[in-house]
Protein backbone atom coordinates (compact mmCIF):
# COMPACT_ATOMS: atom_id res chain seq x y z
CA MET A 1 158.13 -123.90 141.05
CA LYS A 2 161.03 -124.12 143.27
CA SER A 3 161.39 -120.51 143.31
CA LYS A 4 157.63 -119.75 144.09
CA GLN A 5 158.13 -122.37 147.06
CA LEU A 6 161.06 -120.72 148.27
CA LEU A 7 159.20 -117.13 148.18
CA ILE A 8 156.34 -118.62 150.39
CA LEU A 9 158.71 -120.20 152.82
CA LEU A 10 160.35 -116.66 152.96
CA ILE A 11 157.05 -114.70 153.61
CA ILE A 12 156.05 -117.44 156.24
CA ALA A 13 159.50 -116.91 158.06
CA CYS A 14 159.08 -113.33 158.03
CA ASN A 15 155.71 -113.36 159.59
CA VAL A 16 156.74 -115.78 162.13
CA GLY A 17 159.71 -113.29 162.90
CA TYR A 18 157.21 -110.55 163.29
CA VAL A 19 154.66 -112.50 165.42
CA SER A 20 157.50 -113.72 167.80
CA GLY A 21 158.33 -110.14 168.53
CA GLN A 22 154.58 -109.62 169.76
CA LEU A 23 153.29 -110.06 173.16
CA THR A 24 150.48 -112.48 174.02
CA ASN A 25 147.92 -111.46 176.36
CA GLU A 26 149.12 -113.78 179.03
CA ALA A 27 152.67 -112.75 178.51
CA LEU A 28 151.61 -108.89 179.06
CA ALA A 29 149.47 -110.00 182.16
CA SER A 30 152.66 -111.77 183.53
CA ALA A 31 154.75 -108.84 182.95
CA VAL A 32 152.34 -106.65 184.63
CA ALA A 33 152.15 -108.94 187.79
CA ARG A 34 155.64 -109.34 188.11
CA GLN A 35 156.38 -105.65 187.42
CA GLU A 36 158.79 -106.39 184.56
CA CYS A 37 157.15 -103.68 182.15
CA ALA A 38 160.75 -102.17 181.23
CA GLU A 39 161.91 -105.68 180.00
CA ILE A 40 159.08 -105.82 177.65
CA ALA A 41 158.94 -102.17 176.23
CA SER A 42 160.23 -103.11 172.68
CA GLU A 43 157.74 -105.96 172.34
CA LEU A 44 155.05 -103.67 173.58
CA GLU A 45 155.63 -101.34 170.71
CA GLN A 46 155.07 -104.07 168.31
CA THR A 47 152.10 -105.30 169.84
CA PRO A 48 148.68 -104.45 168.57
CA LEU A 49 146.46 -103.80 171.69
CA VAL A 50 143.04 -104.74 170.66
CA SER A 51 141.39 -106.59 173.60
CA GLU A 52 140.05 -104.89 176.83
CA GLY A 53 142.69 -106.77 178.79
CA MET A 54 145.54 -105.94 176.35
CA LYS A 55 144.60 -102.24 176.15
CA PHE A 56 144.28 -102.34 180.22
CA ASN A 57 147.66 -104.04 180.92
CA GLY A 58 149.40 -102.18 177.94
CA ALA A 59 148.41 -98.85 179.48
CA VAL A 60 149.69 -100.14 182.90
CA CYS A 61 153.03 -101.02 181.53
CA LEU A 62 153.36 -97.66 179.50
CA TYR A 63 152.63 -95.81 182.67
CA ARG A 64 155.34 -97.69 184.72
CA ASN A 65 157.67 -96.72 181.69
CA GLY A 66 156.85 -92.97 181.84
CA ASP A 67 154.70 -92.81 178.92
CA VAL A 68 151.90 -91.17 180.92
CA GLU A 69 150.17 -89.46 177.96
CA ARG A 70 149.64 -92.73 175.92
CA ALA A 71 148.79 -94.61 178.99
CA MET A 72 145.88 -92.16 179.63
CA ALA A 73 144.50 -92.71 176.03
CA LEU A 74 144.46 -96.38 176.39
CA PHE A 75 142.90 -96.18 180.01
CA GLN A 76 140.07 -93.83 178.52
CA GLU A 77 139.43 -96.41 175.79
CA VAL A 78 139.01 -99.03 178.56
CA ARG A 79 136.69 -96.94 180.50
CA GLN A 80 134.52 -96.38 177.31
CA MET A 81 134.00 -100.21 176.74
CA GLU A 82 132.05 -100.25 180.31
CA ALA A 83 133.31 -103.80 180.51
CA GLN A 84 134.94 -105.72 183.37
CA GLN A 85 138.09 -103.40 184.02
CA GLN A 86 136.29 -100.00 183.81
CA HIS A 87 136.45 -98.94 187.20
CA LEU A 88 139.98 -100.08 187.57
CA ALA A 89 140.98 -98.04 184.42
CA THR A 90 139.18 -95.05 186.17
CA PHE A 91 141.65 -95.64 189.14
CA TRP A 92 144.65 -95.71 186.67
CA LEU A 93 143.43 -92.45 185.05
CA ALA A 94 143.11 -90.84 188.45
CA LYS A 95 147.07 -91.96 189.04
CA CYS A 96 147.90 -90.39 185.88
CA GLN A 97 146.22 -87.09 186.29
CA ALA A 98 147.74 -86.92 189.87
CA THR A 99 151.23 -87.60 188.32
CA LEU A 100 150.66 -84.69 185.88
CA GLY A 101 149.70 -82.46 188.82
CA ASN A 102 145.96 -82.43 188.01
CA ASP A 103 144.78 -83.12 191.59
CA SER A 104 141.17 -81.78 191.36
CA LEU A 105 140.42 -84.03 188.20
CA ALA A 106 142.22 -87.07 189.99
CA LEU A 107 139.81 -86.57 193.05
CA ALA A 108 136.80 -86.35 190.60
CA LEU A 109 137.83 -89.51 189.00
CA LEU A 110 138.42 -91.29 192.40
CA GLN A 111 134.96 -90.19 193.61
CA MET A 112 133.49 -92.11 190.72
CA ILE A 113 134.80 -95.36 191.86
CA PRO A 114 132.17 -97.62 193.68
CA PRO A 115 132.90 -98.01 197.36
CA GLY A 116 133.29 -101.87 197.15
CA ILE A 117 135.97 -101.60 194.44
CA LEU A 118 137.92 -98.37 195.76
CA ASN A 119 139.84 -99.39 198.91
CA ASP A 120 142.37 -98.02 201.55
CA ARG A 121 145.38 -99.41 199.81
CA MET A 122 144.56 -98.11 196.70
CA LEU A 123 144.44 -94.49 198.02
CA SER A 124 147.33 -94.83 200.14
CA GLN A 125 149.78 -94.89 196.84
CA LYS A 126 152.39 -92.28 196.38
CA GLU A 127 150.62 -90.63 193.74
CA PHE A 128 147.88 -89.25 196.06
CA ASP A 129 150.51 -87.86 198.59
CA HIS A 130 149.68 -84.51 197.75
CA LEU A 131 145.89 -85.09 197.44
CA ALA A 132 146.11 -86.29 201.25
CA LYS A 133 147.88 -83.14 202.27
CA GLU A 134 145.58 -80.40 200.63
CA TYR A 135 142.26 -82.13 200.14
CA GLU A 136 139.72 -82.83 202.95
CA ALA A 137 137.37 -84.31 200.57
CA PHE A 138 140.06 -87.22 199.69
CA ILE A 139 140.83 -87.59 203.46
CA ARG A 140 137.19 -88.15 203.92
CA LEU A 141 136.76 -90.44 200.97
CA LYS A 142 139.76 -92.42 202.23
CA HIS A 143 138.33 -92.77 205.72
CA SER A 144 134.96 -94.23 204.32
CA VAL A 145 136.63 -96.70 202.52
CA GLY A 146 139.09 -98.08 205.09
CA PRO A 147 138.70 -101.36 206.68
CA ALA A 148 136.66 -101.50 209.82
CA PHE A 149 134.86 -103.91 212.09
CA ASN A 150 131.15 -103.74 212.90
CA ILE A 151 129.26 -105.14 215.78
CA TRP A 152 128.74 -108.48 213.64
CA THR A 153 132.33 -108.92 212.22
CA GLY A 154 133.93 -108.01 215.72
CA LEU A 155 131.44 -110.94 217.21
CA LEU A 156 132.38 -113.36 214.55
CA ALA A 157 136.05 -112.47 215.00
CA VAL A 158 135.90 -113.35 218.88
CA ILE A 159 134.00 -116.65 218.04
CA ALA A 160 136.73 -117.57 215.42
CA VAL A 161 139.38 -117.10 218.00
CA LEU A 162 137.55 -119.18 220.52
CA GLY A 163 137.38 -121.71 217.80
CA LEU A 164 140.98 -121.85 217.30
CA LEU A 165 141.66 -122.08 220.98
CA ILE A 166 139.04 -125.30 221.10
CA GLY A 167 140.85 -126.70 218.30
CA PHE A 168 144.06 -126.56 220.08
CA ILE A 169 142.59 -128.07 223.43
CA LEU A 170 141.03 -130.73 221.53
CA LEU A 171 144.12 -131.59 219.60
CA PHE A 172 146.71 -131.24 222.35
CA GLY A 173 144.77 -131.11 225.65
CA LYS A 174 142.94 -133.62 227.59
CA SER A 175 139.19 -132.93 226.51
CA ARG A 176 136.31 -134.89 228.22
CA PHE A 177 134.73 -135.92 224.74
CA SER A 178 134.54 -139.81 224.85
CA ALA A 179 136.18 -140.21 221.32
CA GLY A 180 137.00 -138.53 218.04
CA GLU A 181 138.42 -135.28 219.56
CA LYS A 182 141.04 -135.05 217.05
CA TRP A 183 138.46 -135.35 214.36
CA LEU A 184 136.39 -132.46 216.23
CA SER A 185 139.56 -130.63 216.33
CA ALA A 186 139.63 -130.51 212.51
CA VAL A 187 135.98 -129.18 212.31
CA MET A 188 136.82 -126.34 214.89
CA PHE A 189 139.86 -125.37 213.04
CA ALA A 190 138.07 -125.25 209.71
CA PHE A 191 135.02 -123.37 211.01
CA ALA A 192 137.43 -121.00 212.80
CA LEU A 193 139.56 -120.34 209.83
CA ILE A 194 136.53 -119.93 207.56
CA LEU A 195 135.02 -117.46 209.84
CA ILE A 196 138.29 -115.53 210.06
CA SER A 197 138.30 -115.54 205.98
CA TYR A 198 134.98 -114.24 205.85
CA VAL A 199 135.83 -111.48 208.34
CA VAL A 200 138.99 -110.28 206.46
CA ILE A 201 136.81 -110.10 203.62
CA TRP A 202 133.94 -108.16 205.15
CA THR A 203 135.98 -105.70 206.86
CA GLY A 204 138.39 -104.81 204.04
CA TYR A 205 141.36 -106.42 205.60
CA ALA A 206 141.89 -108.66 202.53
CA LEU A 207 143.79 -105.89 201.15
CA TYR A 208 146.43 -106.63 203.80
CA PHE A 209 145.96 -110.29 204.20
CA PRO A 210 145.23 -111.53 200.73
CA TYR A 211 146.42 -114.90 201.24
CA ILE A 212 143.48 -115.68 203.78
CA GLN A 213 140.53 -114.77 201.44
CA ASN A 214 140.64 -117.79 199.20
CA ILE A 215 141.25 -120.73 201.66
CA TRP A 216 137.51 -120.98 202.69
CA PRO A 217 136.30 -123.33 199.92
CA PHE A 218 138.75 -125.66 200.57
CA LEU A 219 138.15 -125.64 204.33
CA THR A 220 134.47 -126.12 203.65
CA PHE A 221 135.13 -129.60 202.14
CA LEU A 222 136.94 -130.70 205.21
CA VAL A 223 133.93 -130.16 207.55
CA GLY A 224 131.68 -133.20 206.03
CA PRO A 225 134.14 -135.95 206.47
CA SER A 226 135.82 -134.80 209.63
CA LEU A 227 132.39 -134.51 211.29
CA TYR A 228 131.56 -138.23 209.72
CA PHE A 229 134.88 -139.56 211.32
CA TYR A 230 134.02 -137.95 214.43
CA LEU A 231 130.93 -139.69 214.70
CA LYS A 232 132.42 -143.04 213.60
CA ASP A 233 134.80 -142.81 216.70
CA THR A 234 131.96 -141.67 218.99
CA PHE A 235 130.01 -144.82 217.91
CA LYS A 236 133.05 -147.03 218.26
CA GLU A 237 132.68 -148.05 214.57
CA ASP A 238 135.67 -149.28 212.94
CA TYR A 239 137.15 -147.75 209.86
CA THR A 240 140.31 -148.15 207.55
CA GLY A 241 142.88 -145.72 206.43
CA LYS A 242 141.66 -146.60 202.88
CA GLU A 243 138.11 -145.57 203.94
CA VAL A 244 139.40 -142.16 205.23
CA ALA A 245 141.41 -141.56 202.06
CA VAL A 246 138.19 -142.13 199.86
CA HIS A 247 136.16 -139.72 201.76
CA TYR A 248 139.13 -136.99 201.68
CA ILE A 249 139.56 -137.24 197.87
CA ILE A 250 137.34 -134.41 196.94
CA PRO A 251 139.05 -131.95 199.76
CA ALA A 252 142.52 -133.16 198.38
CA LEU A 253 141.52 -132.25 194.91
CA SER A 254 140.05 -128.95 196.06
CA LEU A 255 143.16 -128.07 197.63
CA LEU A 256 145.29 -128.91 194.53
CA LEU A 257 143.13 -127.06 192.11
CA SER A 258 142.85 -124.18 194.36
CA LEU A 259 146.78 -124.14 195.05
CA PRO A 260 147.58 -121.75 191.86
CA GLY A 261 145.13 -118.86 193.18
CA ILE A 262 146.03 -119.39 196.94
CA LEU A 263 149.86 -119.12 195.71
CA ALA A 264 149.05 -116.05 193.69
CA ASP A 265 147.61 -114.29 196.76
CA PHE A 266 151.02 -114.99 198.33
CA GLY A 267 152.47 -112.97 195.12
CA LEU A 268 153.90 -116.57 193.73
CA GLN A 269 152.88 -116.75 189.96
CA THR A 270 152.34 -120.42 188.79
CA GLY A 271 151.56 -119.47 185.42
CA ILE A 272 148.55 -122.04 185.69
CA SER A 273 144.97 -120.66 184.78
CA ARG A 274 142.97 -119.56 187.74
CA ASP A 275 140.15 -121.33 186.04
CA LEU A 276 141.42 -124.35 187.82
CA PHE A 277 140.44 -122.43 191.01
CA ILE A 278 137.16 -121.70 189.70
CA ILE A 279 136.34 -125.44 189.14
CA GLY A 280 137.91 -126.36 192.72
CA THR A 281 135.68 -123.78 194.58
CA SER A 282 132.72 -124.45 192.43
CA PRO A 283 129.55 -123.61 194.76
CA THR A 284 127.58 -126.63 192.81
CA LEU A 285 130.45 -128.99 194.00
CA LEU A 286 130.54 -127.34 197.56
CA THR A 287 126.75 -127.46 198.28
CA GLY A 288 126.54 -131.09 196.90
CA HIS A 289 129.19 -131.99 199.17
CA LEU A 290 127.68 -130.49 201.96
CA LEU A 291 124.14 -132.07 201.33
CA PHE A 292 125.84 -135.48 200.87
CA TYR A 293 127.45 -135.55 204.36
CA SER A 294 124.31 -133.92 205.93
CA VAL A 295 122.29 -136.89 204.83
CA LEU A 296 125.19 -139.46 205.68
CA ILE A 297 125.61 -137.94 209.24
CA PHE A 298 121.71 -137.87 209.92
CA TYR A 299 121.46 -141.41 209.39
CA MET A 300 124.36 -142.21 211.23
CA THR A 301 122.65 -140.90 213.99
CA LYS A 302 119.87 -142.88 213.91
CA ASN A 303 121.82 -145.97 214.56
CA GLU A 304 119.70 -147.43 217.39
CA TRP A 305 122.46 -149.59 219.09
CA GLN A 306 124.27 -146.33 220.27
CA VAL A 307 121.64 -145.05 222.40
CA ASP A 308 123.31 -143.94 225.54
CA SER A 309 121.25 -140.70 226.30
CA ASN A 310 123.99 -138.17 226.64
CA ILE A 311 125.74 -139.18 223.60
CA LYS A 312 122.68 -139.72 221.48
CA ILE A 313 121.67 -136.20 222.17
CA TRP A 314 124.86 -134.76 221.44
CA THR A 315 125.08 -136.60 218.12
CA ARG A 316 121.87 -135.34 217.04
CA VAL A 317 122.87 -131.84 218.05
CA VAL A 318 125.84 -132.42 215.78
CA ALA A 319 123.65 -133.94 212.91
CA TRP A 320 121.16 -130.91 213.12
CA GLY A 321 123.81 -128.58 213.30
CA MET A 322 125.22 -129.91 210.09
CA ILE A 323 121.90 -129.75 208.27
CA LEU A 324 121.30 -126.03 209.41
CA TYR A 325 124.90 -125.25 208.21
CA THR A 326 124.21 -126.99 204.63
CA ALA A 327 120.87 -125.16 204.40
CA ALA A 328 122.41 -121.86 205.12
CA PHE A 329 125.22 -122.36 202.76
CA LEU A 330 122.57 -123.52 199.90
CA THR A 331 120.11 -120.68 200.55
CA TYR A 332 122.84 -118.22 200.19
CA PHE A 333 124.20 -119.55 196.92
CA ILE A 334 120.32 -119.61 195.60
CA LEU A 335 119.54 -116.05 196.70
CA VAL A 336 122.96 -114.38 195.82
CA ARG A 337 121.71 -114.82 192.11
CA CYS A 338 118.42 -112.80 192.95
CA SER A 339 118.05 -108.96 192.48
CA PHE A 340 116.83 -108.50 195.94
CA PHE A 341 119.74 -110.10 197.50
CA ASN A 342 121.45 -108.65 200.49
CA PRO A 343 125.08 -109.17 200.97
CA GLU A 344 124.69 -109.33 204.72
CA TRP A 345 122.61 -112.44 204.38
CA ASP A 346 126.20 -113.78 204.08
CA TYR A 347 126.31 -113.54 207.99
CA ALA A 348 123.80 -116.46 208.18
CA ILE A 349 126.35 -119.18 207.26
CA SER A 350 128.76 -117.55 209.72
CA PHE A 351 126.08 -117.32 212.26
CA VAL A 352 125.48 -121.10 212.21
CA MET A 353 129.31 -121.87 212.28
CA GLY A 354 129.60 -119.66 215.20
CA LEU A 355 126.69 -121.56 216.95
CA GLY A 356 128.69 -124.71 216.29
CA ILE A 357 131.88 -123.38 217.94
CA LEU A 358 129.91 -122.08 221.04
CA SER A 359 128.06 -125.37 221.25
CA VAL A 360 131.37 -127.37 221.53
CA ALA A 361 132.57 -124.94 224.01
CA TYR A 362 129.61 -125.26 226.17
CA MET A 363 129.11 -128.86 225.77
CA GLY A 364 132.85 -129.84 226.00
CA LEU A 365 134.61 -127.08 227.83
CA LEU A 366 132.13 -125.20 230.15
CA GLN A 367 130.16 -128.19 231.28
CA LYS A 368 132.77 -131.05 231.05
CA ARG A 369 130.76 -133.37 233.18
CA ILE A 370 128.38 -134.02 230.58
CA PHE A 371 131.00 -136.04 228.80
CA SER A 372 131.83 -138.03 231.92
CA SER A 373 128.12 -139.13 231.82
CA GLU A 374 126.59 -137.01 234.08
CA PRO A 375 122.98 -136.48 232.77
CA ILE A 376 122.71 -134.03 230.03
CA GLY A 377 119.28 -133.19 231.04
CA ASN A 378 121.01 -131.03 233.78
CA TYR A 379 122.31 -128.62 231.07
CA LEU A 380 119.89 -128.85 228.19
CA PRO A 381 116.11 -128.71 228.21
CA VAL A 382 115.48 -132.11 227.62
CA LYS A 383 113.90 -135.03 229.42
CA LYS A 384 115.44 -138.50 229.02
CA TYR A 385 113.49 -141.53 228.30
CA GLN A 386 110.18 -139.54 228.15
CA SER A 387 108.42 -142.01 226.14
CA SER A 388 109.79 -144.94 227.98
CA SER A 389 107.49 -147.46 229.09
CA LEU A 390 109.85 -149.20 231.60
CA THR A 391 108.67 -149.25 235.03
CA ASP A 392 111.00 -148.78 238.16
CA SER A 393 110.51 -152.33 239.43
CA ALA A 394 111.16 -153.66 235.64
CA SER A 395 114.40 -151.52 235.56
CA GLU A 396 115.51 -152.93 238.60
CA SER A 397 114.82 -156.29 237.65
CA ILE A 398 116.84 -155.93 234.43
CA LYS A 399 119.59 -154.47 236.55
CA ARG A 400 119.84 -157.67 238.84
CA ARG A 401 119.81 -159.87 235.85
CA MET A 402 122.34 -157.84 234.03
CA GLU A 403 124.91 -158.00 236.91
CA ARG A 404 124.29 -161.80 237.66
CA LEU A 405 125.20 -162.07 233.83
CA LEU A 406 128.37 -159.94 233.99
CA GLN A 407 129.51 -161.47 237.57
CA GLU A 408 128.87 -165.01 237.05
CA GLU A 409 129.09 -165.62 233.33
CA GLN A 410 131.60 -162.77 232.79
CA VAL A 411 130.22 -161.92 229.17
CA PHE A 412 132.39 -158.56 229.75
CA LYS A 413 135.34 -160.65 228.48
CA GLU A 414 134.17 -160.81 224.98
CA ASN A 415 136.21 -157.94 223.49
CA GLU A 416 133.77 -157.48 220.68
CA LEU A 417 130.87 -157.15 223.13
CA ARG A 418 128.17 -154.59 221.91
CA LEU A 419 124.98 -153.16 223.43
CA ALA A 420 122.88 -155.18 221.24
CA ASP A 421 124.46 -158.17 222.12
CA LEU A 422 124.22 -157.83 225.94
CA ALA A 423 120.79 -156.79 225.30
CA ALA A 424 120.05 -160.02 223.41
CA TYR A 425 121.50 -162.09 226.23
CA LEU A 426 118.96 -160.28 228.53
CA ASP A 427 116.27 -160.73 226.06
CA ILE A 428 115.30 -157.01 226.17
CA SER A 429 115.62 -153.95 223.70
CA ARG A 430 118.69 -151.95 223.32
CA HIS A 431 116.98 -148.78 224.26
CA GLN A 432 115.84 -150.51 227.43
CA LEU A 433 119.18 -151.80 228.55
CA SER A 434 120.77 -148.35 227.84
CA GLN A 435 118.26 -146.65 230.00
CA VAL A 436 118.97 -149.18 232.89
CA ILE A 437 122.73 -148.60 232.69
CA ASN A 438 122.34 -144.71 232.30
CA GLU A 439 119.90 -144.39 235.28
CA HIS A 440 121.71 -146.96 237.44
CA TYR A 441 125.11 -146.53 236.88
CA GLY A 442 125.52 -143.01 235.70
CA VAL A 443 127.76 -144.08 232.62
CA ASN A 444 127.38 -145.53 229.29
CA PHE A 445 127.50 -149.08 228.02
CA PHE A 446 131.24 -148.79 226.88
CA GLU A 447 132.27 -147.29 230.33
CA LEU A 448 130.35 -150.24 232.39
CA MET A 449 131.98 -152.81 230.38
CA ASN A 450 135.47 -151.39 231.05
CA LYS A 451 134.84 -150.83 234.84
CA TYR A 452 134.13 -154.74 234.97
CA ARG A 453 137.31 -155.57 232.67
CA VAL A 454 139.36 -153.27 234.83
CA GLU A 455 138.21 -154.98 238.13
CA HIS A 456 138.88 -158.48 236.52
CA THR A 457 142.30 -157.16 235.28
CA LYS A 458 143.07 -156.17 239.14
CA ARG A 459 142.20 -159.59 240.30
CA LEU A 460 144.44 -161.36 237.80
CA LEU A 461 147.18 -158.96 238.65
CA ALA A 462 146.99 -159.66 242.20
CA ASP A 463 146.91 -163.34 241.75
CA PRO A 464 150.34 -164.91 241.80
CA ALA A 465 149.04 -167.77 239.83
CA TYR A 466 149.07 -165.23 236.85
CA ASP A 467 152.55 -163.94 237.65
CA HIS A 468 154.04 -165.71 234.47
CA TYR A 469 151.53 -163.61 232.29
CA THR A 470 152.31 -160.46 230.72
CA ILE A 471 150.05 -157.45 231.55
CA ILE A 472 148.93 -157.11 227.90
CA GLN A 473 147.84 -160.82 228.01
CA ILE A 474 145.89 -160.20 231.25
CA ALA A 475 144.16 -157.33 229.60
CA PHE A 476 143.15 -159.25 226.46
CA GLU A 477 141.88 -161.85 228.85
CA ALA A 478 139.65 -159.49 230.58
CA GLY A 479 138.23 -158.37 227.26
CA PHE A 480 140.19 -155.11 226.37
CA ASN A 481 141.23 -155.44 222.62
CA ASN A 482 144.11 -152.70 222.45
CA LYS A 483 146.88 -151.85 224.87
CA ALA A 484 146.15 -147.94 224.64
CA SER A 485 142.49 -148.15 225.76
CA PHE A 486 143.44 -150.81 228.49
CA ASN A 487 146.19 -148.37 230.00
CA ARG A 488 143.74 -145.22 229.84
CA CYS A 489 140.89 -147.10 231.36
CA PHE A 490 143.08 -148.80 234.09
CA LYS A 491 144.62 -145.32 234.95
CA LYS A 492 141.36 -143.51 234.87
CA GLU A 493 139.69 -145.97 237.50
CA ILE A 494 142.60 -147.01 239.73
CA GLY A 495 144.91 -143.72 239.40
CA MET A 496 147.88 -145.70 238.57
CA THR A 497 149.54 -147.64 235.84
CA PRO A 498 149.10 -151.66 235.53
CA SER A 499 152.54 -152.05 236.04
CA ALA A 500 152.60 -150.05 238.99
CA TYR A 501 149.68 -151.79 240.35
CA ARG A 502 151.10 -155.04 239.92
CA ILE A 503 154.33 -154.05 241.78
CA LYS A 504 152.07 -152.59 244.65
CA GLU A 505 150.30 -155.83 244.99
CA ASN A 506 153.37 -158.23 244.95
CA SER A 507 155.24 -156.12 247.50
CA GLU A 508 152.15 -156.50 249.89
CA GLN A 509 152.10 -160.22 249.58
């Protein structure tokens, strides 16, 4: 009995030893990617090549190790399978034929490969140097599959560069956007880099810049949350770091799952399955994420308390732009499954992104006065308050009552004062109050309140009775709720810092 058990153990040990000398599909693919075929030559001889992937990678290694005849036989088997790698097998067969000096056969094989698979870099390999010198047909073939721009890709490339420029100006420059320019810069960078990624793929330059082509899904996840917080800032709504973190969980997970694929494009093999990349860039997840934020952003812009006409129109442009972008994205992923799909329809998504970039350029850079509260109707075909029933005399009456309330009762000193609060004091609607402020003062509610606060601060800084107060104490007394906004508003109105103004007033007394 013991001898029988010993014999079984010996057989198992022998089998384990035999298997351990063989290569797995993953190990063979890794050796090909790392160009370590010479190191696995002995294991390759012991490994049965059964599947398509094993045959293809085994043939590549045999070719690199100098066994061209055996490699050709395996590549021919892969071609006959008519499966996923048949066209790549045809290409490698052409390399084998060129290596053996059969140039005409090599050229014929290359001409069988579809243009979408054959590319300039493949035809630039050293095995085809003789073909390039002797065969005019090869030169024409290489020219036909080379990377190139057309009118669409050229235009989108220019817009992408403009988007990067706008992003940098919003991030580091002094834009006229009332708030949230850093969030908007994130959207501009995302759109611009997505456009660049698309253009690189369409023009064929992905061969030379492979690390760009797979970043667009992660960047797409950034668009919704960044626009959401841009509008939060625009509407002066508070939010916490925890809320920001929650909204960026999915983009962070997408980046994490996409990382192995992105690193592979840089030539860095992590050994992690690319299936994670497929999960992190799922079209269903992408379109669902965009739909969620399209609805969220649309309902944000329906908030009636934020009714300054300039900003209201702009935020609605943002909301409808997000809806249009999502619709184009969703339509593409539906139609791509149809037999009549035209790949050029992919331009629709890029066209919407391009419009978004150009809109920001127009609204924020070319017509900066819009964000200094000059009526937006001067630049867009809109008519403000066209449905308003407020007469001129009623508007003037509300203006006088509001000024009396601000000057005598100084309600602007309430640092949490909102448009709705002031409208309630006057017993009118928020829309009517916003119309009166915009028409009579040419500013929005927040800017008007800050003007009153700055004037009050000036009086206190010049009053010797307040010399023992710090500047920030006086700012809080005037209704400001943080130092940064106070300093910014004061300098904008007066042209100097609060401390310089105080010194100036003290020296004149």
